[in-house]
């Protein structure tokens, strides 16, 4: 589920794995945490909006990278796609603008995989 260590592909794999969890998922998690800490009328809209904007920038960066690719490393499905798929599932729920158009085909490919369908059923 990952390229061999020491290869250029492994570096790219690590980059996108970290991006999915540490960069893209972080503002989405902050939206969830904010909702728990400040439910209903206590919600601070500017905080949520800032986190949505950060996540939208991440989604755009991912979309820019997906030009002419089926998966994040090209034609090979890896664990990085699983991590990105989880984050895209969250982004779809928490981004009011939705996913950027250049991310949608990737998300559709991931969410139509049998493993994804089994995991969410």
PDB file of N, CA and C in Angstrom:
ATOM      1  N   UNK A   1       0.809  -1.207   0.000  1.00  0.00           N
ATOM      2  CA  UNK A   1       0.000   0.000   0.000  1.00  0.00           C
ATOM      3  C   UNK A   1       0.855   1.275   0.000  1.00  0.00           C
ATOM      4  N   UNK A   2       2.186   1.086  -0.115  1.00  0.00           N
ATOM      5  CA  UNK A   2       3.073   2.244  -0.199  1.00  0.00           C
ATOM      6  C   UNK A   2       4.281   1.905  -1.063  1.00  0.00           C
ATOM      7  N   UNK A   3       4.856   2.917  -1.687  1.00  0.00           N
ATOM      8  CA  UNK A   3       6.066   2.688  -2.476  1.00  0.00           C
ATOM      9  C   UNK A   3       7.237   2.304  -1.576  1.00  0.00           C
ATOM     10  N   UNK A   4       8.231   1.692  -2.172  1.00  0.00           N
ATOM     11  CA  UNK A   4       9.416   1.282  -1.423  1.00  0.00           C
ATOM     12  C   UNK A   4      10.140   2.497  -0.838  1.00  0.00           C
ATOM     13  N   UNK A   5      10.598   2.347   0.385  1.00  0.00           N
ATOM     14  CA  UNK A   5      11.370   3.408   1.046  1.00  0.00           C
ATOM     15  C   UNK A   5      12.600   3.741   0.210  1.00  0.00           C
ATOM     16  N   UNK A   6      12.924   5.016   0.177  1.00  0.00           N
ATOM     17  CA  UNK A   6      14.095   5.468  -0.557  1.00  0.00           C
ATOM     18  C   UNK A   6      13.827   5.849  -2.002  1.00  0.00           C
ATOM     19  N   UNK A   7      12.625   5.580  -2.482  1.00  0.00           N
ATOM     20  CA  UNK A   7      12.279   5.958  -3.855  1.00  0.00           C
ATOM     21  C   UNK A   7      11.649   7.345  -3.867  1.00  0.00           C
ATOM     22  N   UNK A   8      11.718   8.044  -5.002  1.00  0.00           N
ATOM     23  CA  UNK A   8      11.043   9.344  -5.090  1.00  0.00           C
ATOM     24  C   UNK A   8       9.539   9.231  -4.815  1.00  0.00           C
ATOM     25  N   UNK A   9       8.933   8.130  -5.243  1.00  0.00           N
ATOM     26  CA  UNK A   9       7.500   7.934  -5.026  1.00  0.00           C
ATOM     27  C   UNK A   9       7.186   7.829  -3.537  1.00  0.00           C
ATOM     28  N   UNK A  10       8.115   7.242  -2.760  1.00  0.00           N
ATOM     29  CA  UNK A  10       7.887   7.125  -1.322  1.00  0.00           C
ATOM     30  C   UNK A  10       7.861   8.501  -0.666  1.00  0.00           C
ATOM     31  N   UNK A  11       8.736   9.389  -1.114  1.00  0.00           N
ATOM     32  CA  UNK A  11       8.716  10.754  -0.592  1.00  0.00           C
ATOM     33  C   UNK A  11       7.394  11.452  -0.884  1.00  0.00           C
ATOM     34  N   UNK A  12       6.900  11.267  -2.090  1.00  0.00           N
ATOM     35  CA  UNK A  12       5.609  11.868  -2.455  1.00  0.00           C
ATOM     36  C   UNK A  12       4.481  11.244  -1.643  1.00  0.00           C
ATOM     37  N   UNK A  13       4.558   9.942  -1.468  1.00  0.00           N
ATOM     38  CA  UNK A  13       3.580   9.226  -0.641  1.00  0.00           C
ATOM     39  C   UNK A  13       3.557   9.809   0.775  1.00  0.00           C
ATOM     40  N   UNK A  14       4.733   9.981   1.367  1.00  0.00           N
ATOM     41  CA  UNK A  14       4.797  10.544   2.721  1.00  0.00           C
ATOM     42  C   UNK A  14       4.262  11.970   2.760  1.00  0.00           C
ATOM     43  N   UNK A  15       4.607  12.751   1.743  1.00  0.00           N
ATOM     44  CA  UNK A  15       4.135  14.140   1.683  1.00  0.00           C
ATOM     45  C   UNK A  15       2.616  14.194   1.736  1.00  0.00           C
ATOM     46  N   UNK A  16       1.947  13.406   0.901  1.00  0.00           N
ATOM     47  CA  UNK A  16       0.485  13.456   0.842  1.00  0.00           C
ATOM     48  C   UNK A  16      -0.162  12.792   2.050  1.00  0.00           C
ATOM     49  N   UNK A  17       0.512  11.803   2.623  1.00  0.00           N
ATOM     50  CA  UNK A  17      -0.015  11.195   3.851  1.00  0.00           C
ATOM     51  C   UNK A  17      -0.036  12.219   4.982  1.00  0.00           C
ATOM     52  N   UNK A  18       1.062  12.939   5.140  1.00  0.00           N
ATOM     53  CA  UNK A  18       1.129  13.973   6.171  1.00  0.00           C
ATOM     54  C   UNK A  18       0.175  15.127   5.857  1.00  0.00           C
ATOM     55  N   UNK A  19       0.105  15.494   4.606  1.00  0.00           N
ATOM     56  CA  UNK A  19      -0.809  16.565   4.209  1.00  0.00           C
ATOM     57  C   UNK A  19      -2.244  16.207   4.604  1.00  0.00           C
ATOM     58  N   UNK A  20      -2.647  14.985   4.300  1.00  0.00           N
ATOM     59  CA  UNK A  20      -4.020  14.566   4.587  1.00  0.00           C
ATOM     60  C   UNK A  20      -4.344  14.701   6.066  1.00  0.00           C
ATOM     61  N   UNK A  21      -3.440  14.233   6.898  1.00  0.00           N
ATOM     62  CA  UNK A  21      -3.716  14.183   8.330  1.00  0.00           C
ATOM     63  C   UNK A  21      -3.363  15.459   9.080  1.00  0.00           C
ATOM     64  N   UNK A  22      -2.202  16.026   8.795  1.00  0.00           N
ATOM     65  CA  UNK A  22      -1.712  17.144   9.599  1.00  0.00           C
ATOM     66  C   UNK A  22      -2.102  18.516   9.067  1.00  0.00           C
ATOM     67  N   UNK A  23      -2.391  18.600   7.776  1.00  0.00           N
ATOM     68  CA  UNK A  23      -2.689  19.901   7.179  1.00  0.00           C
ATOM     69  C   UNK A  23      -4.162  20.029   6.807  1.00  0.00           C
ATOM     70  N   UNK A  24      -4.672  19.091   6.033  1.00  0.00           N
ATOM     71  CA  UNK A  24      -6.038  19.181   5.516  1.00  0.00           C
ATOM     72  C   UNK A  24      -7.065  18.798   6.587  1.00  0.00           C
ATOM     73  N   UNK A  25      -6.837  17.732   7.325  1.00  0.00           N
ATOM     74  CA  UNK A  25      -7.820  17.294   8.318  1.00  0.00           C
ATOM     75  C   UNK A  25      -7.865  18.192   9.549  1.00  0.00           C
ATOM     76  N   UNK A  26      -6.772  18.889   9.802  1.00  0.00           N
ATOM     77  CA  UNK A  26      -6.725  19.701  11.022  1.00  0.00           C
ATOM     78  C   UNK A  26      -7.817  20.770  11.096  1.00  0.00           C
ATOM     79  N   UNK A  27      -7.992  21.623  10.097  1.00  0.00           N
ATOM     80  CA  UNK A  27      -9.058  22.618  10.232  1.00  0.00           C
ATOM     81  C   UNK A  27     -10.451  21.980  10.266  1.00  0.00           C
ATOM     82  N   UNK A  28     -10.613  20.845   9.609  1.00  0.00           N
ATOM     83  CA  UNK A  28     -11.909  20.160   9.658  1.00  0.00           C
ATOM     84  C   UNK A  28     -12.178  19.639  11.060  1.00  0.00           C
ATOM     85  N   UNK A  29     -11.145  19.103  11.693  1.00  0.00           N
ATOM     86  CA  UNK A  29     -11.280  18.652  13.077  1.00  0.00           C
ATOM     87  C   UNK A  29     -11.569  19.808  14.022  1.00  0.00           C
ATOM     88  N   UNK A  30     -10.982  20.952  13.741  1.00  0.00           N
ATOM     89  CA  UNK A  30     -11.244  22.128  14.574  1.00  0.00           C
ATOM     90  C   UNK A  30     -12.705  22.568  14.464  1.00  0.00           C
ATOM     91  N   UNK A  31     -13.302  22.406  13.295  1.00  0.00           N
ATOM     92  CA  UNK A  31     -14.729  22.723  13.139  1.00  0.00           C
ATOM     93  C   UNK A  31     -15.554  21.808  14.040  1.00  0.00           C
ATOM     94  N   UNK A  32     -15.237  20.529  14.022  1.00  0.00           N
ATOM     95  CA  UNK A  32     -15.955  19.569  14.862  1.00  0.00           C
ATOM     96  C   UNK A  32     -15.753  19.905  16.341  1.00  0.00           C
ATOM     97  N   UNK A  33     -14.502  20.122  16.741  1.00  0.00           N
ATOM     98  CA  UNK A  33     -14.215  20.434  18.140  1.00  0.00           C
ATOM     99  C   UNK A  33     -14.891  21.729  18.585  1.00  0.00           C
ATOM    100  N   UNK A  34     -14.896  22.715  17.719  1.00  0.00           N
ATOM    101  CA  UNK A  34     -15.541  23.987  18.044  1.00  0.00           C
ATOM    102  C   UNK A  34     -17.033  23.779  18.289  1.00  0.00           C
ATOM    103  N   UNK A  35     -17.648  22.944  17.460  1.00  0.00           N
ATOM    104  CA  UNK A  35     -19.073  22.663  17.632  1.00  0.00           C
ATOM    105  C   UNK A  35     -19.375  21.972  18.942  1.00  0.00           C
ATOM    106  N   UNK A  36     -18.455  21.135  19.407  1.00  0.00           N
ATOM    107  CA  UNK A  36     -18.641  20.466  20.708  1.00  0.00           C
ATOM    108  C   UNK A  36     -18.450  21.439  21.864  1.00  0.00           C
ATOM    109  N   UNK A  37     -17.456  22.306  21.720  1.00  0.00           N
ATOM    110  CA  UNK A  37     -17.131  23.233  22.804  1.00  0.00           C
ATOM    111  C   UNK A  37     -18.125  24.396  22.881  1.00  0.00           C
ATOM    112  N   UNK A  38     -18.608  24.833  21.724  1.00  0.00           N
ATOM    113  CA  UNK A  38     -19.500  25.990  21.663  1.00  0.00           C
ATOM    114  C   UNK A  38     -20.761  25.637  20.869  1.00  0.00           C
ATOM    115  N   UNK A  39     -21.619  24.815  21.407  1.00  0.00           N
ATOM    116  CA  UNK A  39     -22.804  24.395  20.642  1.00  0.00           C
ATOM    117  C   UNK A  39     -23.813  25.533  20.467  1.00  0.00           C
ATOM    118  N   UNK A  40     -24.595  25.397  19.387  1.00  0.00           N
ATOM    119  CA  UNK A  40     -25.718  26.316  19.148  1.00  0.00           C
ATOM    120  C   UNK A  40     -25.316  27.763  19.084  1.00  0.00           C
ATOM    121  N   UNK A  41     -25.981  28.576  19.887  1.00  0.00           N
ATOM    122  CA  UNK A  41     -25.811  30.030  19.854  1.00  0.00           C
ATOM    123  C   UNK A  41     -24.435  30.479  20.338  1.00  0.00           C
ATOM    124  N   UNK A  42     -23.703  29.614  21.022  1.00  0.00           N
ATOM    125  CA  UNK A  42     -22.372  29.980  21.501  1.00  0.00           C
ATOM    126  C   UNK A  42     -21.301  29.874  20.417  1.00  0.00           C
ATOM    127  N   UNK A  43     -21.665  29.304  19.287  1.00  0.00           N
ATOM    128  CA  UNK A  43     -20.715  29.115  18.189  1.00  0.00           C
ATOM    129  C   UNK A  43     -20.126  30.461  17.757  1.00  0.00           C
ATOM    130  N   UNK A  44     -18.830  30.482  17.510  1.00  0.00           N
ATOM    131  CA  UNK A  44     -18.151  31.690  17.042  1.00  0.00           C
ATOM    132  C   UNK A  44     -17.959  31.528  15.538  1.00  0.00           C
ATOM    133  N   UNK A  45     -18.819  32.184  14.784  1.00  0.00           N
ATOM    134  CA  UNK A  45     -18.841  31.993  13.334  1.00  0.00           C
ATOM    135  C   UNK A  45     -17.518  32.332  12.662  1.00  0.00           C
ATOM    136  N   UNK A  46     -16.804  33.332  13.165  1.00  0.00           N
ATOM    137  CA  UNK A  46     -15.535  33.707  12.529  1.00  0.00           C
ATOM    138  C   UNK A  46     -14.503  32.587  12.650  1.00  0.00           C
ATOM    139  N   UNK A  47     -14.547  31.831  13.736  1.00  0.00           N
ATOM    140  CA  UNK A  47     -13.625  30.711  13.912  1.00  0.00           C
ATOM    141  C   UNK A  47     -13.942  29.620  12.894  1.00  0.00           C
ATOM    142  N   UNK A  48     -15.212  29.281  12.761  1.00  0.00           N
ATOM    143  CA  UNK A  48     -15.629  28.246  11.815  1.00  0.00           C
ATOM    144  C   UNK A  48     -15.300  28.669  10.393  1.00  0.00           C
ATOM    145  N   UNK A  49     -15.559  29.918  10.068  1.00  0.00           N
ATOM    146  CA  UNK A  49     -15.266  30.421   8.725  1.00  0.00           C
ATOM    147  C   UNK A  49     -13.778  30.349   8.424  1.00  0.00           C
ATOM    148  N   UNK A  50     -12.938  30.704   9.378  1.00  0.00           N
ATOM    149  CA  UNK A  50     -11.493  30.617   9.164  1.00  0.00           C
ATOM    150  C   UNK A  50     -11.078  29.175   8.889  1.00  0.00           C
ATOM    151  N   UNK A  51     -11.598  28.235   9.641  1.00  0.00           N
ATOM    152  CA  UNK A  51     -11.240  26.827   9.446  1.00  0.00           C
ATOM    153  C   UNK A  51     -11.777  26.307   8.103  1.00  0.00           C
ATOM    154  N   UNK A  52     -12.949  26.748   7.714  1.00  0.00           N
ATOM    155  CA  UNK A  52     -13.478  26.372   6.403  1.00  0.00           C
ATOM    156  C   UNK A  52     -12.591  26.911   5.287  1.00  0.00           C
ATOM    157  N   UNK A  53     -12.134  28.139   5.440  1.00  0.00           N
ATOM    158  CA  UNK A  53     -11.249  28.729   4.428  1.00  0.00           C
ATOM    159  C   UNK A  53      -9.917  27.984   4.335  1.00  0.00           C
ATOM    160  N   UNK A  54      -9.365  27.599   5.483  1.00  0.00           N
ATOM    161  CA  UNK A  54      -8.110  26.840   5.472  1.00  0.00           C
ATOM    162  C   UNK A  54      -8.295  25.496   4.776  1.00  0.00           C
ATOM    163  N   UNK A  55      -9.400  24.821   5.100  1.00  0.00           N
ATOM    164  CA  UNK A  55      -9.668  23.520   4.480  1.00  0.00           C
ATOM    165  C   UNK A  55      -9.930  23.667   2.987  1.00  0.00           C
ATOM    166  N   UNK A  56     -10.577  24.744   2.596  1.00  0.00           N
ATOM    167  CA  UNK A  56     -10.839  24.970   1.169  1.00  0.00           C
ATOM    168  C   UNK A  56      -9.529  25.157   0.405  1.00  0.00           C
ATOM    169  N   UNK A  57      -8.582  25.865   1.000  1.00  0.00           N
ATOM    170  CA  UNK A  57      -7.258  26.024   0.371  1.00  0.00           C
ATOM    171  C   UNK A  57      -6.566  24.669   0.210  1.00  0.00           C
ATOM    172  N   UNK A  58      -6.706  23.817   1.195  1.00  0.00           N
ATOM    173  CA  UNK A  58      -6.122  22.466   1.106  1.00  0.00           C
ATOM    174  C   UNK A  58      -6.789  21.664   0.003  1.00  0.00           C
ATOM    175  N   UNK A  59      -8.101  21.762  -0.089  1.00  0.00           N
ATOM    176  CA  UNK A  59      -8.827  21.043  -1.144  1.00  0.00           C
ATOM    177  C   UNK A  59      -8.395  21.533  -2.520  1.00  0.00           C
ATOM    178  N   UNK A  60      -8.185  22.836  -2.644  1.00  0.00           N
ATOM    179  CA  UNK A  60      -7.730  23.385  -3.922  1.00  0.00           C
ATOM    180  C   UNK A  60      -6.329  22.890  -4.259  1.00  0.00           C
ATOM    181  N   UNK A  61      -5.443  22.828  -3.270  1.00  0.00           N
ATOM    182  CA  UNK A  61      -4.084  22.326  -3.504  1.00  0.00           C
ATOM    183  C   UNK A  61      -4.122  20.869  -3.949  1.00  0.00           C
ATOM    184  N   UNK A  62      -4.968  20.082  -3.334  1.00  0.00           N
ATOM    185  CA  UNK A  62      -5.115  18.686  -3.737  1.00  0.00           C
ATOM    186  C   UNK A  62      -5.640  18.600  -5.165  1.00  0.00           C
ATOM    187  N   UNK A  63      -6.648  19.386  -5.482  1.00  0.00           N
ATOM    188  CA  UNK A  63      -7.194  19.391  -6.836  1.00  0.00           C
ATOM    189  C   UNK A  63      -6.155  19.770  -7.875  1.00  0.00           C
ATOM    190  N   UNK A  64      -5.320  20.745  -7.554  1.00  0.00           N
ATOM    191  CA  UNK A  64      -4.255  21.145  -8.478  1.00  0.00           C
ATOM    192  C   UNK A  64      -3.287  19.993  -8.740  1.00  0.00           C
ATOM    193  N   UNK A  65      -3.055  19.177  -7.728  1.00  0.00           N
ATOM    194  CA  UNK A  65      -2.130  18.049  -7.874  1.00  0.00           C
ATOM    195  C   UNK A  65      -2.737  16.875  -8.628  1.00  0.00           C
ATOM    196  N   UNK A  66      -4.044  16.830  -8.747  1.00  0.00           N
ATOM    197  CA  UNK A  66      -4.712  15.670  -9.334  1.00  0.00           C
ATOM    198  C   UNK A  66      -4.840  15.736 -10.848  1.00  0.00           C
ATOM    199  N   UNK A  67      -4.282  16.737 -11.479  1.00  0.00           N
ATOM    200  CA  UNK A  67      -4.337  16.850 -12.933  1.00  0.00           C
ATOM    201  C   UNK A  67      -3.754  15.599 -13.580  1.00  0.00           C
ATOM    202  N   UNK A  68      -4.528  14.959 -14.437  1.00  0.00           N
ATOM    203  CA  UNK A  68      -4.090  13.774 -15.175  1.00  0.00           C
ATOM    204  C   UNK A  68      -3.684  12.598 -14.286  1.00  0.00           C
ATOM    205  N   UNK A  69      -4.293  12.464 -13.131  1.00  0.00           N
ATOM    206  CA  UNK A  69      -4.009  11.344 -12.229  1.00  0.00           C
ATOM    207  C   UNK A  69      -5.322  10.694 -11.806  1.00  0.00           C
ATOM    208  N   UNK A  70      -5.280   9.408 -11.629  1.00  0.00           N
ATOM    209  CA  UNK A  70      -6.419   8.705 -11.046  1.00  0.00           C
ATOM    210  C   UNK A  70      -6.310   8.716  -9.532  1.00  0.00           C
ATOM    211  N   UNK A  71      -5.096   8.446  -9.025  1.00  0.00           N
ATOM    212  CA  UNK A  71      -4.819   8.441  -7.591  1.00  0.00           C
ATOM    213  C   UNK A  71      -3.694   9.425  -7.321  1.00  0.00           C
ATOM    214  N   UNK A  72      -3.411   9.700  -6.064  1.00  0.00           N
ATOM    215  CA  UNK A  72      -2.453  10.749  -5.731  1.00  0.00           C
ATOM    216  C   UNK A  72      -1.045  10.455  -6.261  1.00  0.00           C
ATOM    217  N   UNK A  73      -0.692   9.168  -6.419  1.00  0.00           N
ATOM    218  CA  UNK A  73       0.614   8.829  -6.979  1.00  0.00           C
ATOM    219  C   UNK A  73       0.536   8.438  -8.443  1.00  0.00           C
ATOM    220  N   UNK A  74      -0.569   8.680  -9.070  1.00  0.00           N
ATOM    221  CA  UNK A  74      -0.733   8.345 -10.488  1.00  0.00           C
ATOM    222  C   UNK A  74      -1.811   7.300 -10.675  1.00  0.00           C
ATOM    223  N   UNK A  75      -1.413   6.125 -11.133  1.00  0.00           N
ATOM    224  CA  UNK A  75      -2.379   5.050 -11.374  1.00  0.00           C
ATOM    225  C   UNK A  75      -2.397   4.016 -10.258  1.00  0.00           C
ATOM    226  N   UNK A  76      -1.523   4.182  -9.275  1.00  0.00           N
ATOM    227  CA  UNK A  76      -1.417   3.213  -8.186  1.00  0.00           C
ATOM    228  C   UNK A  76      -2.152   3.705  -6.949  1.00  0.00           C
ATOM    229  N   UNK A  77      -3.099   2.909  -6.463  1.00  0.00           N
ATOM    230  CA  UNK A  77      -3.822   3.195  -5.224  1.00  0.00           C
ATOM    231  C   UNK A  77      -2.924   2.858  -4.042  1.00  0.00           C
ATOM    232  N   UNK A  78      -2.788   3.811  -3.103  1.00  0.00           N
ATOM    233  CA  UNK A  78      -1.939   3.605  -1.929  1.00  0.00           C
ATOM    234  C   UNK A  78      -2.682   4.013  -0.663  1.00  0.00           C
ATOM    235  N   UNK A  79      -2.037   3.780   0.465  1.00  0.00           N
ATOM    236  CA  UNK A  79      -2.605   4.196   1.746  1.00  0.00           C
ATOM    237  C   UNK A  79      -2.773   5.717   1.815  1.00  0.00           C
ATOM    238  N   UNK A  80      -1.983   6.459   1.072  1.00  0.00           N
ATOM    239  CA  UNK A  80      -2.165   7.918   1.041  1.00  0.00           C
ATOM    240  C   UNK A  80      -3.544   8.273   0.486  1.00  0.00           C
ATOM    241  N   UNK A  81      -4.027   7.499  -0.471  1.00  0.00           N
ATOM    242  CA  UNK A  81      -5.375   7.736  -1.004  1.00  0.00           C
ATOM    243  C   UNK A  81      -6.435   7.455   0.057  1.00  0.00           C
ATOM    244  N   UNK A  82      -6.185   6.475   0.901  1.00  0.00           N
ATOM    245  CA  UNK A  82      -7.134   6.183   1.981  1.00  0.00           C
ATOM    246  C   UNK A  82      -7.193   7.357   2.944  1.00  0.00           C
ATOM    247  N   UNK A  83      -6.026   7.886   3.312  1.00  0.00           N
ATOM    248  CA  UNK A  83      -5.991   9.027   4.228  1.00  0.00           C
ATOM    249  C   UNK A  83      -6.634  10.255   3.599  1.00  0.00           C
ATOM    250  N   UNK A  84      -6.326  10.495   2.348  1.00  0.00           N
ATOM    251  CA  UNK A  84      -6.943  11.639   1.661  1.00  0.00           C
ATOM    252  C   UNK A  84      -8.445  11.429   1.501  1.00  0.00           C
ATOM    253  N   UNK A  85      -8.857  10.200   1.248  1.00  0.00           N
ATOM    254  CA  UNK A  85     -10.282   9.911   1.105  1.00  0.00           C
ATOM    255  C   UNK A  85     -11.060  10.203   2.377  1.00  0.00           C
ATOM    256  N   UNK A  86     -10.498   9.827   3.526  1.00  0.00           N
ATOM    257  CA  UNK A  86     -11.162  10.127   4.790  1.00  0.00           C
ATOM    258  C   UNK A  86     -11.309  11.636   4.966  1.00  0.00           C
ATOM    259  N   UNK A  87     -10.241  12.360   4.648  1.00  0.00           N
ATOM    260  CA  UNK A  87     -10.284  13.808   4.793  1.00  0.00           C
ATOM    261  C   UNK A  87     -11.275  14.429   3.811  1.00  0.00           C
ATOM    262  N   UNK A  88     -11.349  13.898   2.603  1.00  0.00           N
ATOM    263  CA  UNK A  88     -12.331  14.411   1.639  1.00  0.00           C
ATOM    264  C   UNK A  88     -13.761  14.127   2.086  1.00  0.00           C
ATOM    265  N   UNK A  89     -13.968  12.999   2.730  1.00  0.00           N
ATOM    266  CA  UNK A  89     -15.293  12.690   3.257  1.00  0.00           C
ATOM    267  C   UNK A  89     -15.703  13.763   4.281  1.00  0.00           C
ATOM    268  N   UNK A  90     -14.768  14.151   5.139  1.00  0.00           N
ATOM    269  CA  UNK A  90     -15.046  15.216   6.107  1.00  0.00           C
ATOM    270  C   UNK A  90     -15.258  16.550   5.405  1.00  0.00           C
ATOM    271  N   UNK A  91     -14.396  16.843   4.434  1.00  0.00           N
ATOM    272  CA  UNK A  91     -14.490  18.128   3.726  1.00  0.00           C
ATOM    273  C   UNK A  91     -15.834  18.262   3.032  1.00  0.00           C
ATOM    274  N   UNK A  92     -16.303  17.192   2.459  1.00  0.00           N
ATOM    275  CA  UNK A  92     -17.602  17.231   1.780  1.00  0.00           C
ATOM    276  C   UNK A  92     -18.710  17.635   2.751  1.00  0.00           C
ATOM    277  N   UNK A  93     -18.570  17.249   3.988  1.00  0.00           N
ATOM    278  CA  UNK A  93     -19.578  17.577   5.022  1.00  0.00           C
ATOM    279  C   UNK A  93     -19.441  18.995   5.562  1.00  0.00           C
ATOM    280  N   UNK A  94     -18.206  19.496   5.643  1.00  0.00           N
ATOM    281  CA  UNK A  94     -17.970  20.736   6.370  1.00  0.00           C
ATOM    282  C   UNK A  94     -17.618  21.951   5.518  1.00  0.00           C
ATOM    283  N   UNK A  95     -17.442  21.775   4.223  1.00  0.00           N
ATOM    284  CA  UNK A  95     -17.153  22.928   3.370  1.00  0.00           C
ATOM    285  C   UNK A  95     -18.436  23.403   2.711  1.00  0.00           C
ATOM    286  N   UNK A  96     -18.887  24.608   3.039  1.00  0.00           N
ATOM    287  CA  UNK A  96     -20.153  25.077   2.476  1.00  0.00           C
ATOM    288  C   UNK A  96     -20.118  25.217   0.949  1.00  0.00           C
ATOM    289  N   UNK A  97     -18.927  25.478   0.366  1.00  0.00           N
ATOM    290  CA  UNK A  97     -18.805  25.591  -1.088  1.00  0.00           C
ATOM    291  C   UNK A  97     -18.715  24.223  -1.739  1.00  0.00           C
ATOM    292  N   UNK A  98     -18.548  23.182  -0.937  1.00  0.00           N
ATOM    293  CA  UNK A  98     -18.341  21.855  -1.474  1.00  0.00           C
ATOM    294  C   UNK A  98     -16.910  21.672  -1.944  1.00  0.00           C
ATOM    295  N   UNK A  99     -16.648  20.531  -2.516  1.00  0.00           N
ATOM    296  CA  UNK A  99     -15.305  20.246  -3.023  1.00  0.00           C
ATOM    297  C   UNK A  99     -15.068  20.986  -4.331  1.00  0.00           C
ATOM    298  N   UNK A 100     -13.839  21.445  -4.560  1.00  0.00           N
ATOM    299  CA  UNK A 100     -13.525  22.077  -5.845  1.00  0.00           C
ATOM    300  C   UNK A 100     -13.772  21.095  -6.993  1.00  0.00           C
ATOM    301  N   UNK A 101     -14.135  21.622  -8.129  1.00  0.00           N
ATOM    302  CA  UNK A 101     -14.463  20.786  -9.293  1.00  0.00           C
ATOM    303  C   UNK A 101     -13.317  19.851  -9.675  1.00  0.00           C
ATOM    304  N   UNK A 102     -12.069  20.300  -9.496  1.00  0.00           N
ATOM    305  CA  UNK A 102     -10.946  19.452  -9.887  1.00  0.00           C
ATOM    306  C   UNK A 102     -10.637  18.354  -8.864  1.00  0.00           C
ATOM    307  N   UNK A 103     -11.335  18.338  -7.737  1.00  0.00           N
ATOM    308  CA  UNK A 103     -11.199  17.276  -6.738  1.00  0.00           C
ATOM    309  C   UNK A 103     -12.316  16.241  -6.882  1.00  0.00           C
ATOM    310  N   UNK A 104     -13.445  16.660  -7.407  1.00  0.00           N
ATOM    311  CA  UNK A 104     -14.622  15.790  -7.474  1.00  0.00           C
ATOM    312  C   UNK A 104     -14.349  14.460  -8.171  1.00  0.00           C
ATOM    313  N   UNK A 105     -13.687  14.420  -9.328  1.00  0.00           N
ATOM    314  CA  UNK A 105     -13.439  13.109  -9.953  1.00  0.00           C
ATOM    315  C   UNK A 105     -12.619  12.169  -9.061  1.00  0.00           C
ATOM    316  N   UNK A 106     -11.635  12.712  -8.380  1.00  0.00           N
ATOM    317  CA  UNK A 106     -10.828  11.900  -7.463  1.00  0.00           C
ATOM    318  C   UNK A 106     -11.698  11.359  -6.333  1.00  0.00           C
ATOM    319  N   UNK A 107     -12.493  12.220  -5.728  1.00  0.00           N
ATOM    320  CA  UNK A 107     -13.373  11.801  -4.644  1.00  0.00           C
ATOM    321  C   UNK A 107     -14.368  10.747  -5.131  1.00  0.00           C
ATOM    322  N   UNK A 108     -14.902  10.924  -6.312  1.00  0.00           N
ATOM    323  CA  UNK A 108     -15.836   9.932  -6.852  1.00  0.00           C
ATOM    324  C   UNK A 108     -15.145   8.587  -7.069  1.00  0.00           C
ATOM    325  N   UNK A 109     -13.913   8.612  -7.568  1.00  0.00           N
ATOM    326  CA  UNK A 109     -13.153   7.370  -7.744  1.00  0.00           C
ATOM    327  C   UNK A 109     -12.952   6.673  -6.402  1.00  0.00           C
ATOM    328  N   UNK A 110     -12.542   7.436  -5.390  1.00  0.00           N
ATOM    329  CA  UNK A 110     -12.301   6.847  -4.074  1.00  0.00           C
ATOM    330  C   UNK A 110     -13.594   6.330  -3.441  1.00  0.00           C
ATOM    331  N   UNK A 111     -14.635   7.132  -3.500  1.00  0.00           N
ATOM    332  CA  UNK A 111     -15.876   6.756  -2.806  1.00  0.00           C
ATOM    333  C   UNK A 111     -16.663   5.679  -3.541  1.00  0.00           C
ATOM    334  N   UNK A 112     -16.282   5.362  -4.756  1.00  0.00           N
ATOM    335  CA  UNK A 112     -16.927   4.270  -5.483  1.00  0.00           C
ATOM    336  C   UNK A 112     -16.147   2.955  -5.386  1.00  0.00           C
ATOM    337  N   UNK A 113     -15.017   2.968  -4.710  1.00  0.00           N
ATOM    338  CA  UNK A 113     -14.258   1.728  -4.526  1.00  0.00           C
ATOM    339  C   UNK A 113     -15.031   0.791  -3.589  1.00  0.00           C
ATOM    340  N   UNK A 114     -14.994  -0.508  -3.860  1.00  0.00           N
ATOM    341  CA  UNK A 114     -15.721  -1.459  -3.005  1.00  0.00           C
ATOM    342  C   UNK A 114     -15.325  -1.374  -1.525  1.00  0.00           C
ATOM    343  N   UNK A 115     -14.044  -1.163  -1.246  1.00  0.00           N
ATOM    344  CA  UNK A 115     -13.604  -1.064   0.139  1.00  0.00           C
ATOM    345  C   UNK A 115     -14.225   0.124   0.863  1.00  0.00           C
ATOM    346  N   UNK A 116     -14.342   1.249   0.164  1.00  0.00           N
ATOM    347  CA  UNK A 116     -14.964   2.422   0.774  1.00  0.00           C
ATOM    348  C   UNK A 116     -16.445   2.141   1.055  1.00  0.00           C
ATOM    349  N   UNK A 117     -17.111   1.599   0.074  1.00  0.00           N
ATOM    350  CA  UNK A 117     -18.536   1.312   0.243  1.00  0.00           C
ATOM    351  C   UNK A 117     -18.774   0.352   1.399  1.00  0.00           C
ATOM    352  N   UNK A 118     -17.928  -0.629   1.547  1.00  0.00           N
ATOM    353  CA  UNK A 118     -18.060  -1.582   2.648  1.00  0.00           C
ATOM    354  C   UNK A 118     -17.808  -0.878   3.984  1.00  0.00           C
ATOM    355  N   UNK A 119     -16.806  -0.017   4.017  1.00  0.00           N
ATOM    356  CA  UNK A 119     -16.449   0.677   5.263  1.00  0.00           C
ATOM    357  C   UNK A 119     -17.550   1.604   5.753  1.00  0.00           C
ATOM    358  N   UNK A 120     -18.283   2.233   4.853  1.00  0.00           N
ATOM    359  CA  UNK A 120     -19.298   3.201   5.274  1.00  0.00           C
ATOM    360  C   UNK A 120     -20.706   2.614   5.355  1.00  0.00           C
ATOM    361  N   UNK A 121     -20.841   1.350   5.001  1.00  0.00           N
ATOM    362  CA  UNK A 121     -22.205   0.772   5.061  1.00  0.00           C
ATOM    363  C   UNK A 121     -22.523   0.250   6.444  1.00  0.00           C
TER     364      UNK A 121
END
